[in-house]
Amino acid sequence: MTTRRIADLAAATLTVSARDETSGEEITIQLPIVRGSAGAPAVDISTLPAATGLYTLDPGFVATGSCRSAITFIDGPAGVLLHRGYGIDDLAARSSYLEVVYLLLNNRLPASQRRLDLFTEEVIRRMSVDRRLESFMSGFPDDAHPMAVMVGTVRALSAFSHDCRGWPAATPPPRPVGTVCCAKCAVSALRTTVAGSHACSSALPSPCTPSAPRSANQRRQPASCRHYVQV
């Protein structure tokens, strides 16, 4: 016989009680049970400190959900990663990078090639990056791993694009500045920073001189990192 657990019950709250062994006083609180569209239910403990004076201890963060998300669901032990309900395996096999970005921003895949083309054009218009950001990238060692360069540069993007500043005046945001606008700016710049991090840490031909291999000395010149291929 399978033992039923609290998560198997159609309960809306979890009742927690504590009894004072000396005085016999008992205090009871109720914590909401949150049920998402996928995965196990969770107990909302946001009111726990105020109601009890206690905090939870979860070494390794193995039994705690960090947030509610309408974008991504992750179950590491089960090997599950969903974006807007789509499995990552299906997206990797059937969708392009920009189709996945469109899905994350709009809660659906492009309904037509025309919509994808318009979105692609909008991203490409914003692919230029601030010269100071390019100088930032050139400061990494020549043998730095491209992923380390990309992660560091993406963190630096917040200083340049947190309100969509620093983008070419010829391509102003088509809508009021907001989260979606900044997300598009970040996505556009990410394509450029990925190409730049790879170009600055490899001996591939320069985008400026595609027929000539780049020497180690050329790779050390900041200017060589200022011309990126579009990926």
Protein backbone atom coordinates (compact mmCIF):
# COMPACT_ATOMS: atom_id res chain seq x y z
CA MET A 1 0.00 0.00 0.00
CA THR A 2 1.36 3.40 -1.02
CA THR A 3 1.71 5.87 1.82
CA ARG A 4 -0.02 9.15 1.10
CA ARG A 5 1.85 12.35 1.81
CA ILE A 6 0.68 15.85 2.64
CA ALA A 7 1.38 16.88 -0.96
CA ASP A 8 -1.17 14.27 -2.11
CA LEU A 9 -3.98 15.89 -0.14
CA ALA A 10 -6.29 18.54 -1.58
CA ALA A 11 -5.30 20.93 1.16
CA ALA A 12 -4.98 24.71 0.82
CA THR A 13 -2.97 25.25 4.00
CA LEU A 14 -0.44 23.47 6.18
CA THR A 15 -1.10 23.68 9.91
CA VAL A 16 1.97 23.90 12.15
CA SER A 17 1.68 23.63 15.95
CA ALA A 18 4.17 23.96 18.78
CA ARG A 19 3.54 23.14 22.46
CA ASP A 20 5.38 24.56 25.45
CA GLU A 21 6.42 21.51 27.47
CA THR A 22 6.48 23.56 30.68
CA SER A 23 3.27 25.58 30.58
CA GLY A 24 1.31 23.49 28.12
CA GLU A 25 0.63 26.53 25.96
CA GLU A 26 0.13 25.67 22.31
CA ILE A 27 0.47 27.97 19.33
CA THR A 28 -0.88 27.05 15.90
CA ILE A 29 -0.34 28.80 12.60
CA GLN A 30 -1.41 28.05 9.05
CA LEU A 31 0.84 28.39 6.04
CA PRO A 32 -0.55 28.56 2.47
CA ILE A 33 0.16 25.69 0.09
CA VAL A 34 1.06 26.95 -3.39
CA ARG A 35 0.34 24.71 -6.37
CA GLY A 36 1.92 25.48 -9.70
CA SER A 37 1.15 24.13 -13.15
CA ALA A 38 4.03 21.66 -12.87
CA GLY A 39 6.07 20.06 -10.12
CA ALA A 40 5.41 19.46 -6.46
CA PRO A 41 3.36 21.85 -4.30
CA ALA A 42 5.22 24.30 -2.09
CA VAL A 43 4.59 25.80 1.33
CA ASP A 44 4.66 29.60 1.39
CA ILE A 45 6.82 30.40 4.43
CA SER A 46 7.15 34.13 3.77
CA THR A 47 5.12 34.89 6.95
CA LEU A 48 6.95 32.35 9.11
CA PRO A 49 9.45 34.72 10.81
CA ALA A 50 6.76 37.25 11.72
CA ALA A 51 4.33 34.59 12.95
CA THR A 52 6.79 32.40 14.87
CA GLY A 53 10.10 34.19 15.27
CA LEU A 54 11.69 31.21 13.51
CA TYR A 55 13.60 30.84 10.28
CA THR A 56 14.07 27.79 8.09
CA LEU A 57 17.43 26.04 7.60
CA ASP A 58 17.96 24.47 4.20
CA PRO A 59 21.67 23.71 3.60
CA GLY A 60 22.43 23.63 -0.08
CA PHE A 61 19.08 25.20 -0.95
CA VAL A 62 17.77 21.74 -1.89
CA ALA A 63 14.18 22.05 -0.63
CA THR A 64 13.37 25.70 -1.26
CA GLY A 65 11.84 27.38 -4.28
CA SER A 66 13.40 30.78 -4.91
CA CYS A 67 10.52 32.37 -6.79
CA ARG A 68 7.34 31.94 -8.78
CA SER A 69 7.97 31.80 -12.51
CA ALA A 70 5.67 31.84 -15.51
CA ILE A 71 8.70 31.40 -17.76
CA THR A 72 10.80 28.46 -16.60
CA PHE A 73 10.31 25.21 -14.70
CA ILE A 74 13.35 23.22 -13.57
CA ASP A 75 13.49 19.79 -11.97
CA GLY A 76 17.18 18.96 -11.80
CA PRO A 77 16.96 15.38 -10.43
CA ALA A 78 14.38 14.48 -13.10
CA GLY A 79 16.32 16.25 -15.86
CA VAL A 80 13.39 18.51 -16.76
CA LEU A 81 13.75 22.05 -18.11
CA LEU A 82 10.68 23.78 -19.53
CA HIS A 83 10.42 27.23 -21.12
CA ARG A 84 6.82 28.43 -21.29
CA GLY A 85 5.77 24.77 -21.14
CA TYR A 86 8.03 23.62 -23.98
CA GLY A 87 10.74 21.06 -23.23
CA ILE A 88 14.28 22.25 -23.82
CA ASP A 89 14.98 19.20 -26.02
CA ASP A 90 12.16 20.13 -28.40
CA LEU A 91 13.21 23.77 -28.50
CA ALA A 92 16.84 22.89 -29.19
CA ALA A 93 15.85 20.54 -32.00
CA ARG A 94 13.13 22.58 -33.69
CA SER A 95 13.57 26.27 -32.87
CA SER A 96 16.23 28.88 -33.49
CA TYR A 97 17.83 31.02 -30.80
CA LEU A 98 15.64 34.01 -31.65
CA GLU A 99 12.49 31.90 -31.74
CA VAL A 100 13.22 30.82 -28.16
CA VAL A 101 13.87 34.43 -27.15
CA TYR A 102 10.54 35.42 -28.74
CA LEU A 103 8.86 32.64 -26.76
CA LEU A 104 10.35 33.80 -23.45
CA LEU A 105 9.30 37.41 -24.04
CA ASN A 106 5.87 36.82 -25.55
CA ASN A 107 4.68 33.56 -23.96
CA ARG A 108 4.31 31.92 -27.37
CA LEU A 109 6.35 31.00 -30.41
CA PRO A 110 6.08 33.28 -33.47
CA ALA A 111 2.79 32.57 -35.25
CA SER A 112 4.28 33.37 -38.65
CA GLN A 113 7.59 33.86 -40.39
CA ARG A 114 6.69 37.56 -40.78
CA ARG A 115 6.50 38.04 -37.00
CA LEU A 116 9.84 36.30 -36.56
CA ASP A 117 11.39 38.43 -39.30
CA LEU A 118 10.18 41.66 -37.66
CA PHE A 119 11.51 40.54 -34.29
CA THR A 120 14.84 39.56 -35.87
CA GLU A 121 15.15 42.97 -37.52
CA GLU A 122 14.46 44.68 -34.18
CA VAL A 123 17.18 42.63 -32.48
CA ILE A 124 19.72 43.26 -35.23
CA ARG A 125 19.14 47.04 -35.03
CA ARG A 126 20.28 46.97 -31.41
CA MET A 127 23.35 44.77 -31.78
CA SER A 128 25.84 47.63 -31.48
CA VAL A 129 27.44 47.91 -28.07
CA ASP A 130 28.90 50.87 -26.24
CA ARG A 131 32.60 51.39 -26.98
CA ARG A 132 33.32 51.36 -23.25
CA LEU A 133 31.84 47.90 -23.04
CA GLU A 134 34.10 46.80 -25.87
CA SER A 135 37.08 48.16 -23.92
CA PHE A 136 35.84 46.22 -20.88
CA MET A 137 35.92 43.00 -22.92
CA SER A 138 39.42 43.69 -24.20
CA GLY A 139 40.69 43.68 -20.59
CA PHE A 140 40.21 39.93 -20.17
CA PRO A 141 43.28 37.70 -20.60
CA ASP A 142 43.78 36.26 -24.07
CA ASP A 143 43.43 32.73 -22.72
CA ALA A 144 40.24 33.43 -20.73
CA HIS A 145 37.44 30.95 -21.33
CA PRO A 146 34.79 32.48 -23.65
CA MET A 147 32.04 31.62 -21.15
CA ALA A 148 33.83 33.51 -18.38
CA VAL A 149 34.20 36.54 -20.66
CA MET A 150 30.55 36.38 -21.66
CA VAL A 151 29.28 36.05 -18.08
CA GLY A 152 31.41 38.99 -16.91
CA THR A 153 30.32 41.15 -19.84
CA VAL A 154 26.63 40.35 -19.38
CA ARG A 155 26.91 41.45 -15.75
CA ALA A 156 28.49 44.68 -16.96
CA LEU A 157 25.59 45.26 -19.36
CA SER A 158 23.40 46.26 -16.42
CA ALA A 159 25.49 49.40 -16.04
CA PHE A 160 24.88 50.36 -19.66
CA SER A 161 21.35 49.22 -20.42
CA HIS A 162 19.32 49.16 -17.22
CA ASP A 163 17.12 51.87 -18.71
CA CYS A 164 18.03 51.32 -22.38
CA ARG A 165 20.67 54.04 -22.31
CA GLY A 166 23.82 53.73 -24.35
CA TRP A 167 22.16 52.44 -27.52
CA PRO A 168 22.61 54.20 -30.85
CA ALA A 169 20.46 57.32 -31.16
CA ALA A 170 19.48 56.22 -34.65
CA THR A 171 17.66 53.21 -33.21
CA PRO A 172 15.55 54.48 -30.29
CA PRO A 173 13.28 52.01 -28.48
CA PRO A 174 10.01 51.64 -30.45
CA ARG A 175 7.97 51.61 -27.25
CA PRO A 176 8.16 53.23 -23.79
CA VAL A 177 11.18 52.17 -21.80
CA GLY A 178 10.35 49.12 -19.70
CA THR A 179 11.32 45.61 -18.81
CA VAL A 180 10.58 44.16 -22.24
CA CYS A 181 12.54 46.92 -23.96
CA CYS A 182 15.58 46.34 -21.74
CA ALA A 183 15.27 42.59 -22.27
CA LYS A 184 15.41 43.08 -26.03
CA CYS A 185 18.44 45.35 -25.67
CA ALA A 186 20.16 42.71 -23.54
CA VAL A 187 19.36 39.93 -26.00
CA SER A 188 20.66 42.00 -28.90
CA ALA A 189 23.87 42.85 -27.06
CA LEU A 190 24.31 39.25 -25.96
CA ARG A 191 24.65 38.08 -29.55
CA THR A 192 27.41 40.63 -30.05
CA THR A 193 29.19 39.87 -26.77
CA VAL A 194 29.18 36.14 -27.49
CA ALA A 195 30.81 36.75 -30.87
CA GLY A 196 33.23 39.22 -29.32
CA SER A 197 34.24 36.95 -26.46
CA HIS A 198 34.93 34.16 -28.91
CA ALA A 199 36.88 36.42 -31.29
CA CYS A 200 38.99 37.89 -28.49
CA SER A 201 40.00 34.49 -27.10
CA SER A 202 40.62 32.48 -30.27
CA ALA A 203 42.85 32.57 -33.31
CA LEU A 204 40.00 32.60 -35.80
CA PRO A 205 40.21 35.00 -38.74
CA SER A 206 39.27 38.53 -37.84
CA PRO A 207 35.85 39.68 -39.06
CA CYS A 208 37.68 42.66 -40.58
CA THR A 209 40.15 40.50 -42.49
CA PRO A 210 38.39 37.16 -42.98
CA SER A 211 41.07 35.76 -45.28
CA ALA A 212 44.00 36.30 -42.88
CA PRO A 213 44.59 34.34 -39.63
CA ARG A 214 45.01 36.46 -36.53
CA SER A 215 48.33 36.34 -34.76
CA ALA A 216 48.71 36.24 -30.98
CA ASN A 217 49.89 39.85 -31.07
CA GLN A 218 46.81 40.92 -33.07
CA ARG A 219 44.57 39.23 -30.52
CA ARG A 220 46.03 41.46 -27.81
CA GLN A 221 44.98 44.64 -29.58
CA PRO A 222 41.70 46.04 -28.20
CA ALA A 223 40.76 47.30 -31.65
CA SER A 224 40.57 43.73 -32.95
CA CYS A 225 37.67 43.16 -30.57
CA ARG A 226 35.71 46.12 -31.86
CA HIS A 227 34.39 44.45 -35.00
CA TYR A 228 32.11 41.53 -34.33
CA VAL A 229 30.42 39.03 -36.58
CA GLN A 230 26.68 38.69 -36.24
CA VAL A 231 25.71 35.24 -34.96
